[in-house]
Amino acid sequence: VGEVLGTHPLVDMVSFTGSTEVGKRLHMLGSSTVKRVRSELGGRSAIVVLPDATAEQIEMMATQILENSGQSCIGLGRMIAPGSRYEEIVQIARDAFEKVQVVEASNDTAKRSDIGPVASRTQYDKIRSYIQKGIEEGARLVTGGLEAPLNTPTSGYFIKPTIFADA
């Protein structure tokens, strides 16, 4: 579909969210017809915390990031916080993440805020490499990290809910 949209003369603009590799290709294809291409590449969707957000709203935003164990192409991955409340928001998010329980995917009594395993060993290794990179690049590790979550089930690939700040 991207190839067709990128080159079709009746398409004036393409908006794309996804991988850097595909985004580069769409920009190249779009240039052949001088079409506008807008892209959000390689990052994770952000949620903007407004200055008047309540603690309950901030906690809800933070836990939304963990839906489907963070494995959703449209899932949130970042919070953008006003400087005047930055540390307060970081602490609310930390407290919310530290309340999350890690459960087996088959657990039918799990709460909405609980998380299960990530999809595969490949995904597990990739997420852990991102956590390691954040540590190496000097981001402040607020909670989580590379160690296994408490009470990790014996089957599946589990990641401790992790927050970096000042990145």
Protein backbone atom coordinates (compact mmCIF):
# COMPACT_ATOMS: atom_id res chain seq x y z
CA VAL A 1 0.00 0.00 0.00
CA GLY A 2 2.85 2.38 0.85
CA GLU A 3 4.40 1.99 -2.59
CA VAL A 4 1.10 2.87 -4.28
CA LEU A 5 0.38 5.84 -2.01
CA GLY A 6 3.94 7.08 -2.31
CA THR A 7 3.94 7.12 -6.10
CA HIS A 8 0.32 7.64 -7.18
CA PRO A 9 -0.14 11.02 -8.93
CA LEU A 10 -3.61 11.57 -7.42
CA VAL A 11 -2.34 11.29 -3.84
CA ASP A 12 -1.20 14.71 -2.59
CA MET A 13 -0.04 13.76 0.89
CA VAL A 14 0.91 10.68 2.89
CA SER A 15 0.96 10.57 6.68
CA PHE A 16 2.83 7.61 8.15
CA THR A 17 3.65 6.32 11.62
CA GLY A 18 6.06 3.42 11.81
CA SER A 19 9.58 2.25 11.23
CA THR A 20 12.39 4.53 10.12
CA GLU A 21 13.20 2.21 7.21
CA VAL A 22 9.68 2.38 5.73
CA GLY A 23 9.46 6.13 6.44
CA LYS A 24 12.64 6.78 4.48
CA ARG A 25 11.26 4.77 1.58
CA LEU A 26 7.96 6.71 1.60
CA HIS A 27 9.81 10.05 1.62
CA MET A 28 11.90 8.90 -1.33
CA LEU A 29 8.86 7.67 -3.27
CA GLY A 30 6.90 10.83 -2.49
CA SER A 31 9.66 13.03 -3.85
CA SER A 32 9.05 11.62 -7.35
CA THR A 33 5.67 13.36 -7.45
CA VAL A 34 6.62 16.22 -5.10
CA LYS A 35 4.02 15.10 -2.58
CA ARG A 36 4.08 16.00 1.08
CA VAL A 37 5.04 13.13 3.36
CA ARG A 38 4.65 13.55 7.11
CA SER A 39 6.04 10.89 9.39
CA GLU A 40 6.51 9.88 13.00
CA LEU A 41 9.34 7.39 12.80
CA GLY A 42 10.89 4.93 15.16
CA GLY A 43 9.52 6.51 18.30
CA ARG A 44 6.66 5.79 20.58
CA SER A 45 3.50 7.81 20.84
CA ALA A 46 3.49 10.49 23.51
CA ILE A 47 0.80 11.66 25.86
CA VAL A 48 0.89 15.29 26.95
CA VAL A 49 0.14 15.88 30.62
CA LEU A 50 -1.56 19.24 31.02
CA PRO A 51 -0.64 21.48 33.95
CA ASP A 52 -4.02 20.99 35.66
CA ALA A 53 -4.07 17.17 35.45
CA THR A 54 -5.07 15.45 38.67
CA ALA A 55 -2.99 12.71 40.29
CA GLU A 56 -5.68 10.18 39.29
CA GLN A 57 -5.53 11.31 35.66
CA ILE A 58 -1.73 11.11 35.64
CA GLU A 59 -1.83 7.59 37.11
CA MET A 60 -4.34 6.54 34.45
CA MET A 61 -2.08 7.96 31.72
CA ALA A 62 0.92 6.13 33.13
CA THR A 63 -0.84 2.77 33.31
CA GLN A 64 -2.15 3.19 29.73
CA ILE A 65 1.48 2.87 28.64
CA LEU A 66 1.50 -0.69 30.01
CA GLU A 67 -1.57 -1.94 28.15
CA ASN A 68 -0.85 -5.18 26.30
CA SER A 69 2.51 -5.20 28.12
CA GLY A 70 3.48 -2.13 26.08
CA GLN A 71 3.27 -4.11 22.82
CA SER A 72 0.94 -2.10 20.65
CA CYS A 73 1.85 -0.08 17.58
CA ILE A 74 -0.47 2.69 18.74
CA GLY A 75 0.39 2.30 22.40
CA LEU A 76 1.75 5.15 24.43
CA GLY A 77 5.43 5.13 25.24
CA ARG A 78 6.25 8.60 26.54
CA MET A 79 4.78 11.23 28.81
CA ILE A 80 5.47 14.88 28.13
CA ALA A 81 5.12 16.78 31.38
CA PRO A 82 5.10 20.47 32.24
CA GLY A 83 8.35 21.51 33.89
CA SER A 84 6.55 23.00 36.87
CA ARG A 85 5.18 19.55 37.80
CA TYR A 86 7.83 17.30 36.28
CA GLU A 87 9.12 15.56 39.44
CA GLU A 88 5.62 15.18 40.86
CA ILE A 89 4.46 13.50 37.64
CA VAL A 90 7.52 11.24 37.56
CA GLN A 91 6.75 10.11 41.12
CA ILE A 92 3.05 9.46 40.38
CA ALA A 93 4.02 7.39 37.34
CA ARG A 94 6.64 5.51 39.39
CA ASP A 95 4.11 4.71 42.11
CA ALA A 96 1.63 3.48 39.49
CA PHE A 97 4.25 1.26 37.80
CA GLU A 98 5.39 -0.20 41.12
CA LYS A 99 1.81 -1.30 41.92
CA VAL A 100 1.57 -3.35 38.72
CA GLN A 101 1.53 -7.11 39.16
CA VAL A 102 3.11 -9.44 36.62
CA VAL A 103 0.78 -12.33 35.77
CA GLU A 104 0.59 -15.25 33.37
CA ALA A 105 -1.33 -14.49 30.20
CA SER A 106 -3.90 -17.15 31.10
CA ASN A 107 -4.72 -15.56 34.48
CA ASP A 108 -8.45 -14.83 34.26
CA THR A 109 -8.49 -12.96 37.58
CA ALA A 110 -5.88 -10.41 36.52
CA LYS A 111 -6.75 -6.75 36.95
CA ARG A 112 -6.65 -4.38 34.00
CA SER A 113 -3.46 -2.84 35.41
CA ASP A 114 -1.63 -6.20 35.60
CA ILE A 115 0.74 -7.14 32.80
CA GLY A 116 1.59 -10.41 31.16
CA PRO A 117 4.60 -11.59 29.21
CA VAL A 118 5.94 -9.99 26.05
CA ALA A 119 5.28 -11.86 22.82
CA SER A 120 8.57 -13.67 22.24
CA ARG A 121 12.20 -14.12 23.22
CA THR A 122 13.12 -11.77 20.36
CA GLN A 123 10.85 -9.04 21.76
CA TYR A 124 12.15 -9.67 25.28
CA ASP A 125 15.76 -9.28 24.15
CA LYS A 126 14.91 -6.15 22.16
CA ILE A 127 13.18 -4.46 25.11
CA ARG A 128 16.04 -5.36 27.44
CA SER A 129 18.50 -3.87 24.93
CA TYR A 130 16.51 -0.60 24.98
CA ILE A 131 16.61 -0.58 28.79
CA GLN A 132 20.38 -1.21 28.72
CA LYS A 133 20.83 1.57 26.16
CA GLY A 134 18.87 4.01 28.35
CA ILE A 135 21.12 3.17 31.30
CA GLU A 136 24.29 3.50 29.20
CA GLU A 137 23.18 6.84 27.75
CA GLY A 138 22.62 8.27 31.21
CA ALA A 139 18.84 8.48 31.47
CA ARG A 140 17.64 8.41 35.07
CA LEU A 141 16.20 4.97 35.87
CA VAL A 142 13.17 5.77 38.03
CA THR A 143 11.84 2.23 38.43
CA GLY A 144 12.16 -1.15 36.78
CA GLY A 145 15.27 -2.07 34.88
CA LEU A 146 16.91 -5.26 33.73
CA GLU A 147 16.21 -7.52 36.69
CA ALA A 148 13.22 -9.87 36.59
CA PRO A 149 9.94 -8.68 38.14
CA LEU A 150 9.02 -10.02 41.58
CA ASN A 151 6.98 -13.23 41.54
CA THR A 152 7.72 -13.83 37.85
CA PRO A 153 5.73 -16.77 36.50
CA THR A 154 7.83 -19.69 35.31
CA SER A 155 6.72 -19.57 31.68
CA GLY A 156 6.92 -16.58 29.39
CA TYR A 157 9.13 -13.53 28.90
CA PHE A 158 8.47 -10.92 31.55
CA ILE A 159 9.83 -7.38 31.77
CA LYS A 160 9.66 -5.25 34.87
CA PRO A 161 7.64 -2.07 34.17
CA THR A 162 10.36 0.52 33.59
CA ILE A 163 10.45 4.31 33.64
CA PHE A 164 13.29 6.54 32.54
CA ALA A 165 13.30 10.28 33.19
CA ASP A 166 15.48 13.15 32.00
CA ALA A 167 15.99 11.46 28.64
